[in-house]
Amino acid sequence: MRPELEKALGTLKPGRREDLERALALLQDTVFSFSFKVCGHRQDAEDTMQETLLRAAASLPRFDSPKALAVWLYKVAKTRCLMSRRKSKFAPKEELSLEVLMPDRAELERLAKGGAPHPERLLLAGESAERVGQAVLKLPPEYRLALVLHDMEELSTEEIARVLGVREGTVRVRLHRARVFVRNALARADGGAKAREKIAPPRPMGCKDLFASLSDYLDGQLDVRHCAALEKHLDGCNPCLMFLESLRQTVERLKKQKPGTLDPARAARTRAELLAAYRKAVEAVAGREKRGNRK
């Protein structure tokens, strides 16, 4: 979970105006950041931020857990993003198949000869941030949400499952396929692997069997037995090792991806509305408690 949410909830408690404004600014940045990564359009992201937080303002006094606040905010923002008037023209309609995403024998041979792309080429080029953002937007929404929430917003698998209303195993599957999709898109943009041919050479079975576990391995989610088996294969398979390294680099780049900043004037206007709504909600809670004590 992003530390901003925990900090915001702690800052809300004292109730001083400057503290409230600071907390609301943190919440604005968090919701805008998430929405921009998912929507891909500044206007939609700003609208989502405003609508989500105005809806949240009346409920903020009852939250005493950053985890519960995070799940609730991301649920509301996610729904608003999916309903935004501008849909990604890049996102495919079909499900992402691991069979199609995984490298064929020809690509594994290229990896064996050329090694993994150098991090400075793949991740630190001037246009890299734009390429990463475009690759993420090409993902189908359900995969994009799992990727953004985990690798960019730092939610746990359990928290993402609650936000999306799916099982944790489903989150892990979507996350891995989304990562490989983005990795492949960046590799093609960097002059690496080409788009998959309709008929491709078969992959070696040992390599094929381990690919579904690579994200779990990177995230420390594999049990000891499966981890040992995967590492044994990697010790003798340079192409798989190079692919794993390029996938790890992709995850690191996703974690460092930063969206644009909010328009200061609009953010200030929204904060003023949120402050008024929050104070009204606090007064309503205090009034109910006072009436309850009289009975």
Protein backbone atom coordinates (compact mmCIF):
# COMPACT_ATOMS: atom_id res chain seq x y z
CA MET A 1 0.00 0.00 0.00
CA ARG A 2 1.23 3.49 -0.79
CA PRO A 3 2.53 5.20 2.41
CA GLU A 4 0.57 8.34 1.46
CA LEU A 5 -2.70 6.67 2.48
CA GLU A 6 -1.49 5.76 5.95
CA LYS A 7 -0.01 9.22 6.38
CA ALA A 8 -3.22 10.88 5.19
CA LEU A 9 -5.40 8.94 7.63
CA GLY A 10 -3.08 9.78 10.51
CA THR A 11 -3.07 13.45 9.53
CA LEU A 12 -6.86 13.62 9.40
CA LYS A 13 -7.22 12.78 13.08
CA PRO A 14 -6.02 16.04 14.69
CA GLY A 15 -8.63 18.06 12.80
CA ARG A 16 -6.66 21.29 12.30
CA ARG A 17 -7.28 23.00 8.98
CA GLU A 18 -3.67 22.78 7.79
CA ASP A 19 -3.56 19.09 8.72
CA LEU A 20 -6.82 18.40 6.94
CA GLU A 21 -5.66 20.18 3.80
CA ARG A 22 -2.38 18.25 3.85
CA ALA A 23 -4.23 14.96 4.23
CA LEU A 24 -6.67 15.77 1.43
CA ALA A 25 -3.78 16.77 -0.84
CA LEU A 26 -2.17 13.35 -0.22
CA LEU A 27 -5.45 11.62 -1.06
CA GLN A 28 -5.83 13.73 -4.21
CA ASP A 29 -2.35 12.78 -5.42
CA THR A 30 -2.97 9.10 -4.69
CA VAL A 31 -6.31 8.85 -6.49
CA PHE A 32 -5.16 10.99 -9.42
CA SER A 33 -1.99 8.92 -9.84
CA PHE A 34 -3.94 5.66 -9.93
CA SER A 35 -6.64 7.04 -12.22
CA PHE A 36 -4.18 8.49 -14.72
CA LYS A 37 -2.34 5.17 -15.00
CA VAL A 38 -5.60 3.32 -15.61
CA CYS A 39 -7.51 5.89 -17.71
CA GLY A 40 -4.59 7.28 -19.68
CA HIS A 41 -6.29 10.68 -20.02
CA ARG A 42 -5.60 13.63 -17.73
CA GLN A 43 -9.17 14.97 -17.87
CA ASP A 44 -10.68 11.60 -17.01
CA ALA A 45 -8.15 11.13 -14.22
CA GLU A 46 -8.92 14.55 -12.71
CA ASP A 47 -12.67 13.92 -12.97
CA THR A 48 -12.23 10.52 -11.31
CA MET A 49 -10.17 12.04 -8.50
CA GLN A 50 -12.75 14.75 -7.85
CA GLU A 51 -15.79 12.45 -7.93
CA THR A 52 -14.12 9.74 -5.85
CA LEU A 53 -12.98 12.07 -3.08
CA LEU A 54 -16.22 14.08 -2.96
CA ARG A 55 -17.99 10.78 -2.50
CA ALA A 56 -15.43 9.71 0.09
CA ALA A 57 -15.46 12.94 2.14
CA ALA A 58 -18.62 12.08 4.05
CA SER A 59 -17.24 8.62 4.88
CA LEU A 60 -13.70 9.57 5.90
CA PRO A 61 -14.52 10.10 9.62
CA ARG A 62 -15.52 6.45 10.02
CA PHE A 63 -12.25 5.03 8.63
CA ASP A 64 -9.67 4.08 11.25
CA SER A 65 -7.74 1.61 9.07
CA PRO A 66 -5.51 2.70 6.15
CA LYS A 67 -6.09 -0.71 4.58
CA ALA A 68 -9.87 -0.32 4.62
CA LEU A 69 -9.58 3.23 3.28
CA ALA A 70 -7.28 2.10 0.47
CA VAL A 71 -9.58 -0.72 -0.63
CA TRP A 72 -12.63 1.56 -0.57
CA LEU A 73 -10.96 4.40 -2.50
CA TYR A 74 -9.52 2.12 -5.15
CA LYS A 75 -12.86 0.35 -5.59
CA VAL A 76 -14.66 3.65 -6.24
CA ALA A 77 -11.92 5.03 -8.49
CA LYS A 78 -11.68 1.77 -10.42
CA THR A 79 -15.40 1.79 -11.19
CA ARG A 80 -15.27 5.42 -12.30
CA CYS A 81 -12.24 4.77 -14.54
CA LEU A 82 -13.95 1.86 -16.28
CA MET A 83 -16.96 4.08 -16.96
CA SER A 84 -14.88 6.97 -18.32
CA ARG A 85 -16.05 8.33 -21.64
CA ARG A 86 -12.71 7.68 -23.36
CA LYS A 87 -11.78 4.03 -23.72
CA SER A 88 -8.29 2.95 -24.69
CA LYS A 89 -8.22 2.37 -28.42
CA PHE A 90 -5.22 0.10 -27.95
CA ALA A 91 -6.59 -2.42 -25.45
CA PRO A 92 -7.39 -5.79 -27.05
CA LYS A 93 -10.77 -7.37 -26.44
CA GLU A 94 -9.57 -10.94 -25.98
CA GLU A 95 -8.12 -12.61 -22.91
CA LEU A 96 -4.34 -12.67 -22.62
CA SER A 97 -3.12 -16.20 -23.26
CA LEU A 98 0.13 -17.26 -21.64
CA GLU A 99 0.70 -19.56 -24.60
CA VAL A 100 0.79 -16.56 -26.94
CA LEU A 101 2.70 -14.27 -24.57
CA MET A 102 5.56 -16.62 -23.84
CA PRO A 103 8.63 -16.58 -26.11
CA ASP A 104 8.97 -19.25 -28.77
CA ARG A 105 12.16 -21.17 -29.49
CA ALA A 106 13.38 -18.52 -31.95
CA GLU A 107 13.14 -15.75 -29.36
CA LEU A 108 14.78 -17.91 -26.71
CA GLU A 109 17.66 -18.47 -29.11
CA ARG A 110 17.96 -14.71 -29.66
CA LEU A 111 18.04 -14.21 -25.89
CA ALA A 112 20.73 -16.87 -25.56
CA LYS A 113 22.90 -15.11 -28.16
CA GLY A 114 22.29 -11.49 -27.25
CA GLY A 115 21.49 -11.62 -23.55
CA ALA A 116 18.97 -9.41 -21.80
CA PRO A 117 18.56 -5.83 -23.00
CA HIS A 118 20.81 -3.47 -21.08
CA PRO A 119 18.80 -1.67 -18.38
CA GLU A 120 19.91 1.73 -19.64
CA ARG A 121 18.55 0.92 -23.10
CA LEU A 122 15.35 -0.69 -21.95
CA LEU A 123 14.48 1.47 -18.97
CA LEU A 124 16.31 4.78 -18.92
CA ALA A 125 15.86 6.14 -22.43
CA GLY A 126 14.24 9.55 -22.66
CA GLU A 127 11.06 8.18 -24.21
CA SER A 128 10.91 5.19 -21.82
CA ALA A 129 8.18 6.60 -19.55
CA GLU A 130 5.90 7.24 -22.50
CA ARG A 131 6.55 3.77 -23.89
CA VAL A 132 5.74 2.17 -20.54
CA GLY A 133 2.51 4.15 -20.25
CA GLN A 134 1.45 3.17 -23.77
CA ALA A 135 2.20 -0.49 -23.10
CA VAL A 136 0.11 -0.45 -19.91
CA LEU A 137 -2.82 1.15 -21.74
CA LYS A 138 -2.75 -1.62 -24.35
CA LEU A 139 -3.64 -4.14 -21.65
CA PRO A 140 -7.27 -5.27 -21.31
CA PRO A 141 -8.80 -3.47 -18.29
CA GLU A 142 -8.83 -6.42 -15.87
CA TYR A 143 -5.11 -7.08 -16.47
CA ARG A 144 -4.25 -3.38 -16.41
CA LEU A 145 -5.93 -2.96 -13.02
CA ALA A 146 -4.06 -5.88 -11.47
CA LEU A 147 -0.74 -4.56 -12.78
CA VAL A 148 -1.29 -0.94 -11.72
CA LEU A 149 -2.58 -1.84 -8.27
CA HIS A 150 0.29 -4.25 -7.53
CA ASP A 151 3.38 -2.84 -9.23
CA MET A 152 2.54 0.88 -9.22
CA GLU A 153 0.20 1.39 -6.25
CA GLU A 154 1.93 -1.17 -4.00
CA LEU A 155 -1.18 -3.05 -2.89
CA SER A 156 -0.87 -6.65 -1.72
CA THR A 157 -2.45 -9.53 -3.60
CA GLU A 158 -5.08 -9.80 -0.84
CA GLU A 159 -5.97 -6.09 -1.09
CA ILE A 160 -6.20 -6.24 -4.89
CA ALA A 161 -8.51 -9.24 -4.68
CA ARG A 162 -10.83 -7.20 -2.44
CA VAL A 163 -10.73 -4.19 -4.77
CA LEU A 164 -11.47 -6.27 -7.88
CA GLY A 165 -13.82 -8.77 -6.25
CA VAL A 166 -11.87 -11.82 -7.45
CA ARG A 167 -9.80 -14.58 -5.89
CA GLU A 168 -6.15 -14.04 -5.02
CA GLY A 169 -5.12 -16.73 -7.50
CA THR A 170 -6.89 -14.82 -10.27
CA VAL A 171 -4.98 -11.67 -9.31
CA ARG A 172 -1.66 -13.52 -9.56
CA VAL A 173 -2.52 -14.94 -12.99
CA ARG A 174 -3.60 -11.55 -14.35
CA LEU A 175 -0.57 -9.82 -12.87
CA HIS A 176 1.90 -12.23 -14.43
CA ARG A 177 0.33 -12.10 -17.87
CA ALA A 178 0.15 -8.30 -17.72
CA ARG A 179 3.83 -8.10 -16.80
CA VAL A 180 4.86 -10.36 -19.66
CA PHE A 181 2.66 -8.37 -22.07
CA VAL A 182 4.37 -5.10 -21.06
CA ARG A 183 7.79 -6.74 -21.13
CA ASN A 184 7.19 -7.93 -24.69
CA ALA A 185 5.89 -4.51 -25.78
CA LEU A 186 8.99 -2.79 -24.38
CA ALA A 187 11.29 -5.37 -25.97
CA ARG A 188 9.70 -4.76 -29.38
CA ALA A 189 9.96 -0.99 -28.92
CA ASP A 190 13.62 -1.45 -28.04
CA GLY A 191 14.26 -3.36 -31.24
CA GLY A 192 14.17 -6.78 -29.64
CA ALA A 193 11.58 -9.51 -30.18
CA LYS A 194 9.20 -9.06 -33.09
CA ALA A 195 5.47 -9.59 -33.01
CA ARG A 196 4.59 -13.28 -32.84
CA GLU A 197 4.16 -15.15 -36.11
CA LYS A 198 0.97 -17.15 -36.56
CA ILE A 199 3.05 -20.32 -36.80
CA ALA A 200 6.07 -20.30 -34.49
CA PRO A 201 8.68 -22.93 -33.63
CA PRO A 202 7.74 -24.89 -30.52
CA ARG A 203 9.28 -24.00 -27.18
CA PRO A 204 11.35 -26.43 -25.16
CA MET A 205 9.01 -28.11 -22.66
CA GLY A 206 11.15 -27.40 -19.61
CA CYS A 207 11.14 -23.69 -20.39
CA LYS A 208 7.41 -23.64 -21.11
CA ASP A 209 6.57 -25.27 -17.80
CA LEU A 210 8.32 -22.68 -15.65
CA PHE A 211 7.12 -19.47 -17.34
CA ALA A 212 3.83 -19.36 -15.45
CA SER A 213 5.78 -19.18 -12.16
CA LEU A 214 8.19 -16.34 -12.97
CA SER A 215 6.21 -13.52 -11.33
CA ASP A 216 5.58 -15.62 -8.23
CA TYR A 217 9.34 -16.24 -8.10
CA LEU A 218 10.15 -12.52 -8.43
CA ASP A 219 7.63 -11.63 -5.69
CA GLY A 220 8.78 -14.36 -3.30
CA GLN A 221 5.46 -16.21 -3.61
CA LEU A 222 6.81 -19.67 -4.56
CA ASP A 223 7.13 -22.41 -1.99
CA VAL A 224 10.57 -23.87 -1.27
CA ARG A 225 10.16 -26.93 -3.49
CA HIS A 226 9.00 -25.04 -6.58
CA CYS A 227 11.57 -22.31 -6.01
CA ALA A 228 14.38 -24.86 -5.92
CA ALA A 229 13.13 -26.54 -9.12
CA LEU A 230 12.92 -23.21 -10.94
CA GLU A 231 16.40 -22.12 -9.83
CA LYS A 232 17.82 -25.47 -10.92
CA HIS A 233 16.35 -24.95 -14.39
CA LEU A 234 17.66 -21.36 -14.55
CA ASP A 235 21.19 -22.54 -13.68
CA GLY A 236 21.28 -24.54 -16.89
CA CYS A 237 19.14 -22.36 -19.20
CA ASN A 238 20.63 -19.00 -20.13
CA PRO A 239 17.65 -17.92 -22.34
CA CYS A 240 15.21 -18.37 -19.45
CA LEU A 241 17.59 -16.54 -17.13
CA MET A 242 17.78 -13.64 -19.60
CA PHE A 243 14.00 -13.56 -19.96
CA LEU A 244 13.59 -13.51 -16.18
CA GLU A 245 16.05 -10.61 -15.94
CA SER A 246 14.17 -8.62 -18.60
CA LEU A 247 10.91 -9.31 -16.72
CA ARG A 248 12.49 -8.13 -13.46
CA GLN A 249 13.66 -4.94 -15.17
CA THR A 250 10.15 -4.37 -16.49
CA VAL A 251 8.69 -4.66 -12.97
CA GLU A 252 11.28 -2.20 -11.65
CA ARG A 253 10.39 0.28 -14.38
CA LEU A 254 6.69 -0.05 -13.63
CA LYS A 255 7.36 0.68 -9.95
CA LYS A 256 9.22 3.87 -10.88
CA GLN A 257 6.62 5.10 -13.35
CA LYS A 258 5.22 8.49 -12.34
CA PRO A 259 2.18 10.19 -13.87
CA GLY A 260 1.83 13.92 -14.41
CA THR A 261 0.85 16.25 -11.62
CA LEU A 262 -2.55 17.72 -10.83
CA ASP A 263 -3.49 21.17 -12.07
CA PRO A 264 -2.81 23.31 -8.92
CA ALA A 265 -5.84 25.58 -9.36
CA ARG A 266 -8.29 22.70 -9.83
CA ALA A 267 -6.71 20.77 -6.98
CA ALA A 268 -7.13 23.75 -4.63
CA ARG A 269 -10.80 24.20 -5.60
CA THR A 270 -11.49 20.52 -5.07
CA ARG A 271 -9.74 20.57 -1.70
CA ALA A 272 -11.93 23.44 -0.55
CA GLU A 273 -15.05 21.42 -1.46
CA LEU A 274 -13.64 18.33 0.22
CA LEU A 275 -12.76 20.24 3.37
CA ALA A 276 -16.30 21.59 3.69
CA ALA A 277 -17.82 18.15 3.07
CA TYR A 278 -15.48 16.47 5.54
CA ARG A 279 -16.19 18.98 8.30
CA LYS A 280 -19.91 18.62 7.72
CA ALA A 281 -19.56 14.84 8.05
CA VAL A 282 -17.54 15.19 11.27
CA GLU A 283 -20.19 17.49 12.73
CA ALA A 284 -22.92 15.01 11.78
CA VAL A 285 -21.06 12.17 13.51
CA ALA A 286 -20.51 14.29 16.61
CA GLY A 287 -24.22 15.23 16.65
CA ARG A 288 -25.31 11.60 16.49
CA GLU A 289 -22.94 10.65 19.30
CA LYS A 290 -24.19 13.53 21.44
CA ARG A 291 -27.83 12.53 20.94
CA GLY A 292 -26.93 8.95 21.73
CA ASN A 293 -25.29 9.93 25.01
CA ARG A 294 -28.45 11.76 26.10
CA LYS A 295 -30.58 8.63 25.81
